[in-house]
Amino acid sequence: MPATLTTHEQQLVDALYGLLRDSDPARWRPERAGNLRERLVGLRAHLSAMGPTVAALPRGVVDELRAVLEQRAPAPDLGAERLREAWADLRHVTVPLYERLAAALRGHDVHVPSLRPTNYARNVFHVFNGLWALIMLHHVLGPRTLVPVTALMTATFWASEILRRRSPRFAALFQRSTRRIAHPHEAHRVNSATWYATALLGLVLVGDLPAATVAVLVLGFADPAAALVGRRFGRVALINGRSLEGTFTFAAVGVAAGAAGLAIYAPELPVLPLALAGALAGALAELLSRRVDDNLSVPLAVGVAVVAARAALGV
């Protein structure tokens, strides 16, 4: 049954998410420190106004958050470099607390946005996965092995999801092995790699290799490019934490990546129209992804768009 948040609880969650998002190292500017500090004061005021009882949030996490914000609040008189380090330290400690609050609320069917911190290792991993999938599709797996191997890989990922929920030891090992590339919320939710494997299985079951080619390249290249640009230069907010700058970058990089893949592996097809259809569908799916992981929604949306575009063009 959905939990009911009090006004102060809702304001606390919203303010904490905004503070952690805007104190991301990619967004850091010394001139923003004053604004961040004002928002930190407001966040502590929300905690004070909540009093000793809470309706939906875990009491222990709220108390821990209150202590962290009181003890680790950056002093205003620090130099620029030490101030940046102090905010990074506060953020490092606070992000797991936010994700614990978010996980508890999602368990009550309350939507809470996921933090997606700047993670250059994850960006590189995204590109690697796109290229790896491309090689598997065109150079390793043949028509007879493509579906069974992808199905086996997907089943293995889902088995690991079940195991880490039943075995704390395996869950801890999994967290340690993926800590450099995983987003914080993936400690409490299905891992993005599992959703990506599921999307790949859906793509190969459709049996349209050019569509799968565009899909893996759009996700592999456009998604990390949009994340980097959106966090660093995003000024015009759209929805679900996305920005106009990031979405435009997604579409542009997606067209380039998809067109390059088709030019190499399916040059007989109308490269640019198909790449454009896939990239725009992927950008829209990424923009609208709220409860669904975009590692699932983006490849499937790209694949469906390319298949539909091929049918419309009669190719």
Protein backbone atom coordinates (compact mmCIF):
# COMPACT_ATOMS: atom_id res chain seq x y z
CA MET A 1 0.00 0.00 0.00
CA PRO A 2 1.45 3.44 -0.92
CA ALA A 3 2.89 5.39 1.98
CA THR A 4 1.69 8.90 2.75
CA LEU A 5 4.46 11.45 3.17
CA THR A 6 3.97 14.48 5.36
CA THR A 7 4.70 17.87 3.84
CA HIS A 8 8.05 18.11 5.64
CA GLU A 9 9.03 14.59 4.56
CA GLN A 10 8.26 15.36 0.91
CA GLN A 11 10.16 18.64 1.12
CA LEU A 12 13.08 16.85 2.76
CA VAL A 13 13.34 14.24 0.00
CA ASP A 14 12.99 16.82 -2.77
CA ALA A 15 15.52 19.20 -1.19
CA LEU A 16 18.04 16.43 -0.54
CA TYR A 17 17.80 15.19 -4.13
CA GLY A 18 18.28 18.72 -5.50
CA LEU A 19 21.25 19.42 -3.24
CA LEU A 20 23.03 16.18 -4.16
CA ARG A 21 22.32 16.64 -7.86
CA ASP A 22 23.62 20.21 -7.94
CA SER A 23 26.70 19.50 -5.82
CA ASP A 24 27.86 16.85 -8.30
CA PRO A 25 31.56 17.43 -9.09
CA ALA A 26 30.70 18.02 -12.77
CA ARG A 27 28.43 20.91 -11.75
CA TRP A 28 30.73 22.38 -9.11
CA ARG A 29 31.51 26.09 -9.29
CA PRO A 30 32.99 28.07 -6.36
CA GLU A 31 30.41 30.81 -6.91
CA ARG A 32 27.62 28.29 -6.27
CA ALA A 33 28.86 27.45 -2.78
CA GLY A 34 26.77 30.19 -1.15
CA ASN A 35 23.57 28.93 -2.76
CA LEU A 36 24.36 25.34 -1.82
CA ARG A 37 24.97 26.36 1.77
CA GLU A 38 21.62 28.18 1.92
CA ARG A 39 19.93 25.06 0.63
CA LEU A 40 21.77 22.96 3.21
CA VAL A 41 20.44 25.25 5.95
CA GLY A 42 16.94 24.81 4.52
CA LEU A 43 17.39 21.05 4.47
CA ARG A 44 18.38 21.02 8.12
CA ALA A 45 15.32 23.16 8.86
CA HIS A 46 13.10 20.52 7.23
CA LEU A 47 14.72 17.89 9.46
CA SER A 48 14.12 19.99 12.56
CA ALA A 49 10.50 20.64 11.61
CA MET A 50 9.83 16.90 11.27
CA GLY A 51 10.29 16.43 15.00
CA PRO A 52 10.78 13.04 16.67
CA THR A 53 8.31 11.09 14.49
CA VAL A 54 8.07 10.38 10.77
CA ALA A 55 5.21 8.89 8.79
CA ALA A 56 6.96 7.11 5.94
CA LEU A 57 10.73 7.63 6.10
CA PRO A 58 12.95 5.21 8.07
CA ARG A 59 13.61 6.79 11.47
CA GLY A 60 17.18 5.51 11.74
CA VAL A 61 18.18 6.88 8.34
CA VAL A 62 16.62 10.26 9.11
CA ASP A 63 18.57 10.47 12.39
CA GLU A 64 21.79 9.48 10.61
CA LEU A 65 21.17 12.10 7.93
CA ARG A 66 20.59 14.77 10.57
CA ALA A 67 23.89 13.92 12.26
CA VAL A 68 25.83 13.93 8.99
CA LEU A 69 24.48 17.32 7.93
CA GLU A 70 25.29 18.83 11.30
CA GLN A 71 28.79 17.39 11.60
CA ARG A 72 30.01 17.65 8.01
CA ALA A 73 28.53 20.93 6.83
CA PRO A 74 31.33 22.77 4.94
CA ALA A 75 32.57 25.89 6.73
CA PRO A 76 31.94 29.07 4.68
CA ASP A 77 35.43 30.49 5.21
CA LEU A 78 37.35 27.70 3.44
CA GLY A 79 39.46 28.38 0.40
CA ALA A 80 38.11 27.39 -3.01
CA GLU A 81 39.91 24.05 -3.24
CA ARG A 82 39.21 22.98 0.34
CA LEU A 83 35.58 24.06 -0.08
CA ARG A 84 35.24 21.85 -3.15
CA GLU A 85 36.74 18.93 -1.22
CA ALA A 86 34.43 19.54 1.74
CA TRP A 87 31.35 19.50 -0.45
CA ALA A 88 32.60 16.37 -2.22
CA ASP A 89 33.11 14.69 1.17
CA LEU A 90 29.62 15.66 2.36
CA ARG A 91 28.11 14.39 -0.86
CA HIS A 92 30.04 11.12 -0.71
CA VAL A 93 28.63 10.35 2.74
CA THR A 94 25.10 11.59 2.04
CA VAL A 95 24.36 9.88 -1.29
CA PRO A 96 24.00 6.38 0.30
CA LEU A 97 21.60 7.83 2.88
CA TYR A 98 19.45 9.32 0.12
CA GLU A 99 19.38 6.01 -1.69
CA ARG A 100 18.30 4.22 1.50
CA LEU A 101 15.45 6.70 1.90
CA ALA A 102 14.55 6.29 -1.77
CA ALA A 103 14.60 2.49 -1.57
CA ALA A 104 12.28 2.54 1.44
CA LEU A 105 9.81 4.84 -0.31
CA ARG A 106 9.88 2.84 -3.54
CA GLY A 107 8.93 -0.17 -1.45
CA HIS A 108 5.72 1.75 -0.65
CA ASP A 109 5.14 2.61 -4.33
CA VAL A 110 6.29 6.22 -3.86
CA HIS A 111 8.30 7.48 -6.84
CA VAL A 112 11.65 9.00 -5.89
CA PRO A 113 14.15 10.12 -8.55
CA SER A 114 17.41 8.20 -8.79
CA LEU A 115 20.71 10.01 -8.46
CA ARG A 116 23.01 9.57 -11.42
CA PRO A 117 26.36 10.99 -10.28
CA THR A 118 29.16 11.78 -12.69
CA ASN A 119 31.02 8.52 -13.23
CA TYR A 120 33.63 8.54 -15.98
CA ALA A 121 34.41 4.86 -15.50
CA ARG A 122 30.74 4.08 -16.17
CA ASN A 123 30.80 6.29 -19.28
CA VAL A 124 33.75 4.34 -20.66
CA PHE A 125 32.04 1.08 -19.73
CA HIS A 126 28.95 2.19 -21.67
CA VAL A 127 31.01 2.73 -24.81
CA PHE A 128 32.81 -0.58 -24.30
CA ASN A 129 29.49 -2.39 -23.99
CA GLY A 130 28.22 -0.85 -27.20
CA LEU A 131 31.31 -1.95 -29.11
CA TRP A 132 31.32 -5.38 -27.45
CA ALA A 133 27.69 -5.96 -28.40
CA LEU A 134 28.42 -4.83 -31.96
CA ILE A 135 31.30 -7.31 -32.28
CA MET A 136 29.20 -10.12 -30.84
CA LEU A 137 26.34 -9.38 -33.24
CA HIS A 138 28.44 -9.22 -36.38
CA HIS A 139 31.67 -11.13 -35.80
CA VAL A 140 31.24 -13.75 -33.08
CA LEU A 141 27.71 -15.11 -32.93
CA GLY A 142 26.09 -16.60 -35.99
CA PRO A 143 22.39 -17.02 -36.86
CA ARG A 144 22.17 -20.29 -34.92
CA THR A 145 23.90 -19.12 -31.75
CA LEU A 146 22.72 -15.50 -31.49
CA VAL A 147 19.43 -16.16 -29.68
CA PRO A 148 20.51 -19.02 -27.37
CA VAL A 149 23.73 -17.31 -26.25
CA THR A 150 21.93 -14.02 -25.58
CA ALA A 151 19.17 -15.87 -23.72
CA LEU A 152 21.74 -17.69 -21.59
CA MET A 153 23.51 -14.42 -20.80
CA THR A 154 20.22 -12.77 -19.82
CA ALA A 155 19.24 -15.73 -17.64
CA THR A 156 22.61 -15.54 -15.89
CA PHE A 157 22.12 -11.85 -15.09
CA TRP A 158 18.64 -12.46 -13.70
CA ALA A 159 19.92 -15.37 -11.65
CA SER A 160 22.50 -13.06 -10.10
CA GLU A 161 19.71 -10.60 -9.23
CA ILE A 162 17.83 -13.33 -7.39
CA LEU A 163 20.98 -14.56 -5.66
CA ARG A 164 22.07 -11.17 -4.36
CA ARG A 165 18.65 -10.70 -2.77
CA ARG A 166 18.85 -14.06 -1.04
CA SER A 167 22.52 -14.04 -0.08
CA PRO A 168 23.96 -11.02 1.80
CA ARG A 169 27.46 -12.37 1.16
CA PHE A 170 26.92 -12.51 -2.59
CA ALA A 171 25.27 -9.08 -2.52
CA ALA A 172 28.31 -7.60 -0.76
CA LEU A 173 30.66 -9.25 -3.25
CA PHE A 174 28.57 -7.97 -6.13
CA GLN A 175 28.63 -4.43 -4.73
CA ARG A 176 32.42 -4.49 -4.31
CA SER A 177 32.98 -5.82 -7.83
CA THR A 178 30.74 -3.19 -9.48
CA ARG A 179 31.35 -0.18 -7.22
CA ARG A 180 33.38 1.73 -9.83
CA ILE A 181 30.70 1.56 -12.51
CA ALA A 182 27.38 1.17 -10.67
CA HIS A 183 25.03 4.01 -9.78
CA PRO A 184 24.18 4.23 -6.06
CA HIS A 185 20.53 3.23 -6.55
CA GLU A 186 21.58 -0.07 -8.12
CA ALA A 187 22.42 -1.36 -4.65
CA HIS A 188 18.67 -1.48 -4.04
CA ARG A 189 17.29 -2.09 -7.54
CA VAL A 190 17.85 -4.31 -10.56
CA ASN A 191 21.28 -3.59 -12.02
CA SER A 192 21.39 -1.70 -15.32
CA ALA A 193 23.49 -4.45 -16.89
CA THR A 194 20.62 -6.88 -16.30
CA TRP A 195 18.19 -4.56 -18.06
CA TYR A 196 20.68 -4.13 -20.92
CA ALA A 197 20.99 -7.89 -21.36
CA THR A 198 17.20 -8.15 -21.39
CA ALA A 199 16.98 -5.47 -24.07
CA LEU A 200 19.59 -7.29 -26.16
CA LEU A 201 17.54 -10.47 -25.97
CA GLY A 202 14.48 -8.59 -27.16
CA LEU A 203 16.44 -7.12 -30.06
CA VAL A 204 17.85 -10.42 -31.28
CA LEU A 205 14.44 -12.10 -30.99
CA VAL A 206 13.06 -9.50 -33.41
CA GLY A 207 15.68 -10.68 -35.88
CA ASP A 208 16.46 -7.31 -37.48
CA LEU A 209 20.25 -7.02 -37.31
CA PRO A 210 20.46 -3.41 -38.61
CA ALA A 211 17.95 -2.34 -35.93
CA ALA A 212 20.00 -4.08 -33.23
CA THR A 213 23.15 -2.43 -34.60
CA VAL A 214 21.70 1.05 -34.29
CA ALA A 215 20.27 0.27 -30.85
CA VAL A 216 23.52 -0.86 -29.23
CA LEU A 217 25.48 2.04 -30.72
CA VAL A 218 22.94 4.69 -29.72
CA LEU A 219 22.91 3.44 -26.12
CA GLY A 220 26.67 2.92 -26.06
CA PHE A 221 27.64 6.35 -27.34
CA ALA A 222 24.69 8.74 -27.05
CA ASP A 223 23.72 7.95 -23.47
CA PRO A 224 27.13 8.69 -21.87
CA ALA A 225 27.61 11.75 -24.11
CA ALA A 226 24.26 13.15 -22.99
CA ALA A 227 25.12 12.49 -19.35
CA LEU A 228 28.44 14.31 -19.59
CA VAL A 229 27.04 17.33 -21.42
CA GLY A 230 23.85 17.49 -19.38
CA ARG A 231 25.63 17.49 -16.03
CA ARG A 232 28.35 19.89 -17.11
CA PHE A 233 26.44 22.34 -19.29
CA GLY A 234 22.75 21.61 -18.71
CA ARG A 235 20.85 24.82 -18.00
CA VAL A 236 17.39 24.28 -19.51
CA ALA A 237 15.60 21.70 -17.38
CA LEU A 238 13.14 19.33 -19.03
CA ILE A 239 11.64 16.39 -17.11
CA ASN A 240 12.91 13.47 -15.05
CA GLY A 241 16.20 15.24 -14.30
CA ARG A 242 17.08 15.68 -17.98
CA SER A 243 18.15 18.89 -19.69
CA LEU A 244 17.63 20.29 -23.17
CA GLU A 245 21.38 20.33 -23.74
CA GLY A 246 21.76 16.70 -22.75
CA THR A 247 18.79 15.55 -24.85
CA PHE A 248 20.06 17.41 -27.92
CA THR A 249 23.48 15.82 -27.43
CA PHE A 250 21.86 12.39 -27.17
CA ALA A 251 20.05 12.86 -30.48
CA ALA A 252 23.09 14.27 -32.31
CA VAL A 253 25.54 11.63 -31.09
CA GLY A 254 22.93 8.93 -31.63
CA VAL A 255 22.50 9.89 -35.28
CA ALA A 256 26.26 9.90 -35.82
CA ALA A 257 26.82 6.56 -34.07
CA GLY A 258 23.87 4.85 -35.72
CA ALA A 259 24.78 6.14 -39.17
CA ALA A 260 28.38 4.99 -38.75
CA GLY A 261 27.24 1.49 -37.80
CA LEU A 262 24.83 1.20 -40.70
CA ALA A 263 27.39 2.58 -43.15
CA ILE A 264 29.76 -0.24 -42.15
CA TYR A 265 27.35 -3.16 -41.73
CA ALA A 266 24.32 -2.28 -43.88
CA PRO A 267 25.42 0.28 -46.49
CA GLU A 268 22.68 -0.86 -48.89
CA LEU A 269 20.05 0.68 -46.56
CA PRO A 270 19.13 4.40 -46.32
CA VAL A 271 21.64 5.10 -43.55
CA LEU A 272 20.71 8.60 -42.42
CA PRO A 273 16.89 8.22 -42.22
CA LEU A 274 17.18 5.01 -40.20
CA ALA A 275 19.83 6.45 -37.88
CA LEU A 276 17.72 9.58 -37.38
CA ALA A 277 14.60 7.56 -36.56
CA GLY A 278 16.50 5.44 -34.05
CA ALA A 279 18.30 8.34 -32.39
CA LEU A 280 15.13 10.44 -31.97
CA ALA A 281 13.24 7.47 -30.52
CA GLY A 282 16.13 6.78 -28.15
CA ALA A 283 16.32 10.40 -27.04
CA LEU A 284 12.57 10.42 -26.36
CA ALA A 285 12.75 7.14 -24.42
CA GLU A 286 15.68 8.43 -22.36
CA LEU A 287 13.80 11.64 -21.63
CA LEU A 288 10.61 9.88 -20.56
CA SER A 289 12.24 7.04 -18.58
CA ARG A 290 11.10 7.51 -15.03
CA ARG A 291 10.36 4.17 -13.42
CA VAL A 292 11.82 2.07 -16.26
CA ASP A 293 15.61 1.82 -16.53
CA ASP A 294 16.82 3.53 -19.70
CA ASN A 295 19.20 0.64 -20.39
CA LEU A 296 16.01 -1.29 -21.20
CA SER A 297 13.80 1.42 -22.67
CA VAL A 298 16.35 3.10 -24.95
CA PRO A 299 17.58 0.06 -26.94
CA LEU A 300 14.07 -1.28 -27.36
CA ALA A 301 12.72 2.10 -28.47
CA VAL A 302 15.57 2.51 -30.96
CA GLY A 303 15.07 -1.00 -32.32
CA VAL A 304 11.31 -0.57 -32.75
CA ALA A 305 11.82 2.81 -34.44
CA VAL A 306 14.33 1.43 -36.94
CA VAL A 307 12.11 -1.56 -37.75
CA ALA A 308 9.16 0.79 -38.24
CA ALA A 309 11.24 3.15 -40.40
CA ARG A 310 12.39 0.25 -42.58
CA ALA A 311 8.80 -0.83 -43.05
CA ALA A 312 7.69 2.70 -43.89
CA LEU A 313 10.52 3.12 -46.42
CA GLY A 314 10.04 -0.38 -47.82
CA VAL A 315 13.66 -1.46 -47.23
